[in-house]
Amino acid sequence: MAGSRLEKLGSVFTRTRDLMRSGVMPEAKKPLWYDVYAAFPPLKEPLYREPRQRYGKVKKPVSPILYQEDEIRAKFYEVYGNGPRAFELSRLNFKSTCQRFVEKYNELQKQGEVDDDKLFEETGKALLGEGIVLRRKAVGNVAQQEAKPKDPVLEMRLQAVLQEMQDDMQEQTSESTDVQKETPSAS
């Protein structure tokens, strides 16, 4: 037990006490708390106990709580992203762009708009009318299409240059292996 590091076997105090008794820990290196703990021991010894298994009905896990605003916020962040500015949390009455969007969405929904997609677009337009500019995130497919050159002649030239570079690399590696074969290293 003196060399055990498992918390399950005795408390820190009993393990330290046993290390000092066996001579593994010299009296000069005893911890500062040791004398205090020895003078004022706790009323109940802190020991590890296995938790008892509980029998009976299995409780149903708590289902996640989702509100209508959560769906609107998720769609907002998917379409518009976080926005260009950070949140100003130092101001007590600060409302994020997303919160303003949700409030305007609910306001327009009460007026009678039914279709969610149309209502989403109309909310963006209404905020634009109030001076809040929303910028859509770049879609992955659009960004990939823009990255490709649209000129076929330019694309052929780029492919030719790439092929030449690959051929040069292959020639250099083959030359370096030939040189290594001709001059064997002395071991």
C-alpha atoms as a PDB file:
ATOM      1  CA  MET A   1       0.000   0.000   0.000  1.00  0.00           C
ATOM      2  CA  ALA A   2       2.919   2.331   0.575  1.00  0.00           C
ATOM      3  CA  GLY A   3       3.750   2.543  -3.109  1.00  0.00           C
ATOM      4  CA  SER A   4       0.177   2.489  -4.383  1.00  0.00           C
ATOM      5  CA  ARG A   5      -1.020   5.454  -6.418  1.00  0.00           C
ATOM      6  CA  LEU A   6      -4.613   4.370  -6.752  1.00  0.00           C
ATOM      7  CA  GLU A   7      -7.038   6.693  -5.044  1.00  0.00           C
ATOM      8  CA  LYS A   8      -9.213   3.682  -4.299  1.00  0.00           C
ATOM      9  CA  LEU A   9      -6.772   2.325  -1.711  1.00  0.00           C
ATOM     10  CA  GLY A  10      -6.753   4.661   1.282  1.00  0.00           C
ATOM     11  CA  SER A  11      -6.705   8.425   1.414  1.00  0.00           C
ATOM     12  CA  VAL A  12      -3.847  10.737   0.535  1.00  0.00           C
ATOM     13  CA  PHE A  13      -3.087  11.122   4.230  1.00  0.00           C
ATOM     14  CA  THR A  14      -2.839   7.378   4.924  1.00  0.00           C
ATOM     15  CA  ARG A  15      -0.665   6.808   1.876  1.00  0.00           C
ATOM     16  CA  THR A  16       1.658   9.668   2.866  1.00  0.00           C
ATOM     17  CA  ARG A  17       1.785   8.403   6.466  1.00  0.00           C
ATOM     18  CA  ASP A  18       2.675   4.899   5.283  1.00  0.00           C
ATOM     19  CA  LEU A  19       5.380   6.246   2.952  1.00  0.00           C
ATOM     20  CA  MET A  20       6.947   8.104   5.884  1.00  0.00           C
ATOM     21  CA  ARG A  21       6.736   5.034   8.176  1.00  0.00           C
ATOM     22  CA  SER A  22       8.413   2.801   5.608  1.00  0.00           C
ATOM     23  CA  GLY A  23      11.219   5.328   5.078  1.00  0.00           C
ATOM     24  CA  VAL A  24      10.488   6.003   1.413  1.00  0.00           C
ATOM     25  CA  MET A  25       9.603   9.632   2.182  1.00  0.00           C
ATOM     26  CA  PRO A  26      11.992  11.312   4.642  1.00  0.00           C
ATOM     27  CA  GLU A  27      10.568  13.357   7.522  1.00  0.00           C
ATOM     28  CA  ALA A  28      12.159  16.501   6.059  1.00  0.00           C
ATOM     29  CA  LYS A  29      10.112  16.180   2.831  1.00  0.00           C
ATOM     30  CA  LYS A  30       6.699  15.690   4.360  1.00  0.00           C
ATOM     31  CA  PRO A  31       3.996  17.948   2.867  1.00  0.00           C
ATOM     32  CA  LEU A  32       2.958  21.154   4.630  1.00  0.00           C
ATOM     33  CA  TRP A  33      -0.594  19.971   5.160  1.00  0.00           C
ATOM     34  CA  TYR A  34       0.438  16.743   6.918  1.00  0.00           C
ATOM     35  CA  ASP A  35       0.755  18.181  10.450  1.00  0.00           C
ATOM     36  CA  VAL A  36      -2.474  20.173  10.129  1.00  0.00           C
ATOM     37  CA  TYR A  37      -4.373  17.112   8.928  1.00  0.00           C
ATOM     38  CA  ALA A  38      -2.899  15.006  11.761  1.00  0.00           C
ATOM     39  CA  ALA A  39      -3.899  17.639  14.355  1.00  0.00           C
ATOM     40  CA  PHE A  40      -7.392  18.235  12.952  1.00  0.00           C
ATOM     41  CA  PRO A  41      -8.574  15.091  11.147  1.00  0.00           C
ATOM     42  CA  PRO A  42     -11.924  15.239   9.306  1.00  0.00           C
ATOM     43  CA  LEU A  43     -14.980  13.844  11.043  1.00  0.00           C
ATOM     44  CA  LYS A  44     -15.538  11.384   8.210  1.00  0.00           C
ATOM     45  CA  GLU A  45     -12.538   9.746   6.523  1.00  0.00           C
ATOM     46  CA  PRO A  46     -12.561  10.557   2.768  1.00  0.00           C
ATOM     47  CA  LEU A  47     -12.572   7.137   1.135  1.00  0.00           C
ATOM     48  CA  TYR A  48     -13.442   6.066  -2.363  1.00  0.00           C
ATOM     49  CA  ARG A  49     -16.614   4.035  -2.653  1.00  0.00           C
ATOM     50  CA  GLU A  50     -18.056   2.402  -5.722  1.00  0.00           C
ATOM     51  CA  PRO A  51     -21.420   3.909  -6.539  1.00  0.00           C
ATOM     52  CA  ARG A  52     -24.273   1.483  -6.007  1.00  0.00           C
ATOM     53  CA  GLN A  53     -26.087   0.228  -9.034  1.00  0.00           C
ATOM     54  CA  ARG A  54     -29.591   1.485  -9.257  1.00  0.00           C
ATOM     55  CA  TYR A  55     -32.339  -0.894 -10.106  1.00  0.00           C
ATOM     56  CA  GLY A  56     -35.789  -0.003 -11.274  1.00  0.00           C
ATOM     57  CA  LYS A  57     -37.199   2.044 -14.093  1.00  0.00           C
ATOM     58  CA  VAL A  58     -34.795   3.535 -16.564  1.00  0.00           C
ATOM     59  CA  LYS A  59     -35.461   7.219 -16.739  1.00  0.00           C
ATOM     60  CA  LYS A  60     -36.148   8.677 -20.139  1.00  0.00           C
ATOM     61  CA  PRO A  61     -33.309  10.990 -21.197  1.00  0.00           C
ATOM     62  CA  VAL A  62     -34.154  14.653 -21.488  1.00  0.00           C
ATOM     63  CA  SER A  63     -35.022  15.470 -25.068  1.00  0.00           C
ATOM     64  CA  PRO A  64     -33.342  18.471 -26.634  1.00  0.00           C
ATOM     65  CA  ILE A  65     -35.317  21.688 -26.400  1.00  0.00           C
ATOM     66  CA  LEU A  66     -35.659  23.498 -29.712  1.00  0.00           C
ATOM     67  CA  TYR A  67     -37.558  26.671 -30.337  1.00  0.00           C
ATOM     68  CA  GLN A  68     -38.761  28.109 -33.629  1.00  0.00           C
ATOM     69  CA  GLU A  69     -36.129  30.847 -33.310  1.00  0.00           C
ATOM     70  CA  ASP A  70     -33.399  28.195 -33.236  1.00  0.00           C
ATOM     71  CA  GLU A  71     -34.396  26.986 -36.694  1.00  0.00           C
ATOM     72  CA  ILE A  72     -34.424  30.556 -38.004  1.00  0.00           C
ATOM     73  CA  ARG A  73     -30.997  31.241 -36.455  1.00  0.00           C
ATOM     74  CA  ALA A  74     -29.561  28.030 -37.911  1.00  0.00           C
ATOM     75  CA  LYS A  75     -30.779  28.967 -41.375  1.00  0.00           C
ATOM     76  CA  PHE A  76     -29.500  32.549 -40.919  1.00  0.00           C
ATOM     77  CA  TYR A  77     -25.996  31.383 -39.986  1.00  0.00           C
ATOM     78  CA  GLU A  78     -26.028  28.836 -42.810  1.00  0.00           C
ATOM     79  CA  VAL A  79     -26.916  31.477 -45.395  1.00  0.00           C
ATOM     80  CA  TYR A  80     -25.216  34.617 -44.043  1.00  0.00           C
ATOM     81  CA  GLY A  81     -22.527  33.330 -41.667  1.00  0.00           C
ATOM     82  CA  ASN A  82     -21.375  35.189 -38.562  1.00  0.00           C
ATOM     83  CA  GLY A  83     -21.152  38.557 -40.220  1.00  0.00           C
ATOM     84  CA  PRO A  84     -18.322  41.048 -40.621  1.00  0.00           C
ATOM     85  CA  ARG A  85     -18.267  42.358 -37.035  1.00  0.00           C
ATOM     86  CA  ALA A  86     -17.767  40.791 -33.636  1.00  0.00           C
ATOM     87  CA  PHE A  87     -20.473  40.979 -31.002  1.00  0.00           C
ATOM     88  CA  GLU A  88     -20.280  44.021 -28.730  1.00  0.00           C
ATOM     89  CA  LEU A  89     -21.030  42.287 -25.448  1.00  0.00           C
ATOM     90  CA  SER A  90     -19.947  45.276 -23.380  1.00  0.00           C
ATOM     91  CA  ARG A  91     -23.141  47.117 -24.346  1.00  0.00           C
ATOM     92  CA  LEU A  92     -26.139  45.980 -22.323  1.00  0.00           C
ATOM     93  CA  ASN A  93     -28.735  46.624 -25.027  1.00  0.00           C
ATOM     94  CA  PHE A  94     -26.701  45.130 -27.902  1.00  0.00           C
ATOM     95  CA  LYS A  95     -28.636  43.076 -30.452  1.00  0.00           C
ATOM     96  CA  SER A  96     -26.759  40.968 -32.951  1.00  0.00           C
ATOM     97  CA  THR A  97     -27.674  40.989 -36.613  1.00  0.00           C
ATOM     98  CA  CYS A  98     -29.056  37.497 -36.189  1.00  0.00           C
ATOM     99  CA  GLN A  99     -31.307  38.600 -33.313  1.00  0.00           C
ATOM    100  CA  ARG A 100     -32.619  41.517 -35.360  1.00  0.00           C
ATOM    101  CA  PHE A 101     -33.244  39.108 -38.224  1.00  0.00           C
ATOM    102  CA  VAL A 102     -35.232  36.753 -35.953  1.00  0.00           C
ATOM    103  CA  GLU A 103     -37.306  39.610 -34.541  1.00  0.00           C
ATOM    104  CA  LYS A 104     -38.089  40.966 -38.024  1.00  0.00           C
ATOM    105  CA  TYR A 105     -38.886  37.434 -39.227  1.00  0.00           C
ATOM    106  CA  ASN A 106     -41.405  36.965 -36.403  1.00  0.00           C
ATOM    107  CA  GLU A 107     -42.886  40.406 -37.047  1.00  0.00           C
ATOM    108  CA  LEU A 108     -43.416  39.636 -40.752  1.00  0.00           C
ATOM    109  CA  GLN A 109     -44.760  36.194 -39.902  1.00  0.00           C
ATOM    110  CA  LYS A 110     -47.458  37.761 -37.711  1.00  0.00           C
ATOM    111  CA  GLN A 111     -48.446  40.024 -40.613  1.00  0.00           C
ATOM    112  CA  GLY A 112     -49.436  37.006 -42.663  1.00  0.00           C
ATOM    113  CA  GLU A 113     -46.490  35.712 -44.729  1.00  0.00           C
ATOM    114  CA  VAL A 114     -46.861  31.936 -44.990  1.00  0.00           C
ATOM    115  CA  ASP A 115     -44.058  30.419 -47.068  1.00  0.00           C
ATOM    116  CA  ASP A 116     -40.866  30.085 -44.996  1.00  0.00           C
ATOM    117  CA  ASP A 117     -38.438  30.578 -47.896  1.00  0.00           C
ATOM    118  CA  LYS A 118     -40.284  33.635 -49.167  1.00  0.00           C
ATOM    119  CA  LEU A 119     -40.523  35.002 -45.625  1.00  0.00           C
ATOM    120  CA  PHE A 120     -36.777  34.471 -45.151  1.00  0.00           C
ATOM    121  CA  GLU A 121     -36.004  36.466 -48.307  1.00  0.00           C
ATOM    122  CA  GLU A 122     -38.488  39.202 -47.405  1.00  0.00           C
ATOM    123  CA  THR A 123     -36.908  39.524 -43.960  1.00  0.00           C
ATOM    124  CA  GLY A 124     -33.508  40.082 -45.570  1.00  0.00           C
ATOM    125  CA  LYS A 125     -34.993  42.747 -47.837  1.00  0.00           C
ATOM    126  CA  ALA A 126     -36.753  44.448 -44.899  1.00  0.00           C
ATOM    127  CA  LEU A 127     -33.495  44.622 -42.933  1.00  0.00           C
ATOM    128  CA  LEU A 128     -31.766  46.047 -45.998  1.00  0.00           C
ATOM    129  CA  GLY A 129     -34.454  48.750 -46.046  1.00  0.00           C
ATOM    130  CA  GLU A 130     -33.571  49.542 -42.422  1.00  0.00           C
ATOM    131  CA  GLY A 131     -29.895  49.891 -43.331  1.00  0.00           C
ATOM    132  CA  ILE A 132     -28.616  46.485 -42.219  1.00  0.00           C
ATOM    133  CA  VAL A 133     -26.613  44.889 -45.012  1.00  0.00           C
ATOM    134  CA  LEU A 134     -26.534  41.086 -45.025  1.00  0.00           C
ATOM    135  CA  ARG A 135     -23.916  39.339 -47.135  1.00  0.00           C
ATOM    136  CA  ARG A 136     -24.397  35.760 -48.187  1.00  0.00           C
ATOM    137  CA  LYS A 137     -21.630  33.247 -47.597  1.00  0.00           C
ATOM    138  CA  ALA A 138     -19.825  31.938 -50.671  1.00  0.00           C
ATOM    139  CA  VAL A 139     -21.125  28.519 -51.651  1.00  0.00           C
ATOM    140  CA  GLY A 140     -18.432  25.864 -52.166  1.00  0.00           C
ATOM    141  CA  ASN A 141     -19.506  24.956 -55.712  1.00  0.00           C
ATOM    142  CA  VAL A 142     -19.575  28.576 -56.849  1.00  0.00           C
ATOM    143  CA  ALA A 143     -16.108  29.228 -55.449  1.00  0.00           C
ATOM    144  CA  GLN A 144     -14.738  26.167 -57.223  1.00  0.00           C
ATOM    145  CA  GLN A 145     -16.278  27.247 -60.516  1.00  0.00           C
ATOM    146  CA  GLU A 146     -14.771  30.718 -60.182  1.00  0.00           C
ATOM    147  CA  ALA A 147     -11.324  29.273 -59.481  1.00  0.00           C
ATOM    148  CA  LYS A 148     -11.234  27.466 -62.828  1.00  0.00           C
ATOM    149  CA  PRO A 149      -9.908  29.462 -65.789  1.00  0.00           C
ATOM    150  CA  LYS A 150     -12.611  30.138 -68.361  1.00  0.00           C
ATOM    151  CA  ASP A 151     -10.216  30.441 -71.315  1.00  0.00           C
ATOM    152  CA  PRO A 152      -9.561  26.989 -72.885  1.00  0.00           C
ATOM    153  CA  VAL A 153      -6.267  28.164 -74.471  1.00  0.00           C
ATOM    154  CA  LEU A 154      -4.997  29.341 -71.087  1.00  0.00           C
ATOM    155  CA  GLU A 155      -6.024  26.042 -69.543  1.00  0.00           C
ATOM    156  CA  MET A 156      -4.092  24.096 -72.212  1.00  0.00           C
ATOM    157  CA  ARG A 157      -0.995  26.251 -71.591  1.00  0.00           C
ATOM    158  CA  LEU A 158      -1.216  25.666 -67.849  1.00  0.00           C
ATOM    159  CA  GLN A 159      -1.488  21.922 -68.403  1.00  0.00           C
ATOM    160  CA  ALA A 160       1.570  21.975 -70.691  1.00  0.00           C
ATOM    161  CA  VAL A 161       3.635  23.916 -68.132  1.00  0.00           C
ATOM    162  CA  LEU A 162       2.562  21.519 -65.392  1.00  0.00           C
ATOM    163  CA  GLN A 163       3.532  18.509 -67.541  1.00  0.00           C
ATOM    164  CA  GLU A 164       6.974  20.036 -68.231  1.00  0.00           C
ATOM    165  CA  MET A 165       7.547  20.615 -64.525  1.00  0.00           C
ATOM    166  CA  GLN A 166       6.628  17.013 -63.724  1.00  0.00           C
ATOM    167  CA  ASP A 167       8.978  15.721 -66.451  1.00  0.00           C
ATOM    168  CA  ASP A 168      11.839  17.856 -65.067  1.00  0.00           C
ATOM    169  CA  MET A 169      11.238  16.494 -61.568  1.00  0.00           C
ATOM    170  CA  GLN A 170      11.330  12.909 -62.864  1.00  0.00           C
ATOM    171  CA  GLU A 171      14.580  13.546 -64.730  1.00  0.00           C
ATOM    172  CA  GLN A 172      16.194  15.050 -61.640  1.00  0.00           C
ATOM    173  CA  THR A 173      15.217  12.118 -59.444  1.00  0.00           C
ATOM    174  CA  SER A 174      16.458   9.590 -62.005  1.00  0.00           C
ATOM    175  CA  GLU A 175      19.790  11.465 -62.314  1.00  0.00           C
ATOM    176  CA  SER A 176      20.245  11.535 -58.552  1.00  0.00           C
ATOM    177  CA  THR A 177      19.645   7.777 -58.288  1.00  0.00           C
ATOM    178  CA  ASP A 178      22.167   7.149 -61.114  1.00  0.00           C
ATOM    179  CA  VAL A 179      24.814   9.228 -59.315  1.00  0.00           C
ATOM    180  CA  GLN A 180      24.198   7.292 -56.085  1.00  0.00           C
ATOM    181  CA  LYS A 181      24.621   3.969 -57.931  1.00  0.00           C
ATOM    182  CA  GLU A 182      27.941   5.073 -59.493  1.00  0.00           C
ATOM    183  CA  THR A 183      29.474   6.257 -56.207  1.00  0.00           C
ATOM    184  CA  PRO A 184      28.665   3.682 -53.552  1.00  0.00           C
ATOM    185  CA  SER A 185      29.125   4.984 -50.052  1.00  0.00           C
ATOM    186  CA  ALA A 186      31.946   3.487 -47.995  1.00  0.00           C
ATOM    187  CA  SER A 187      30.623   1.785 -44.895  1.00  0.00           C
END
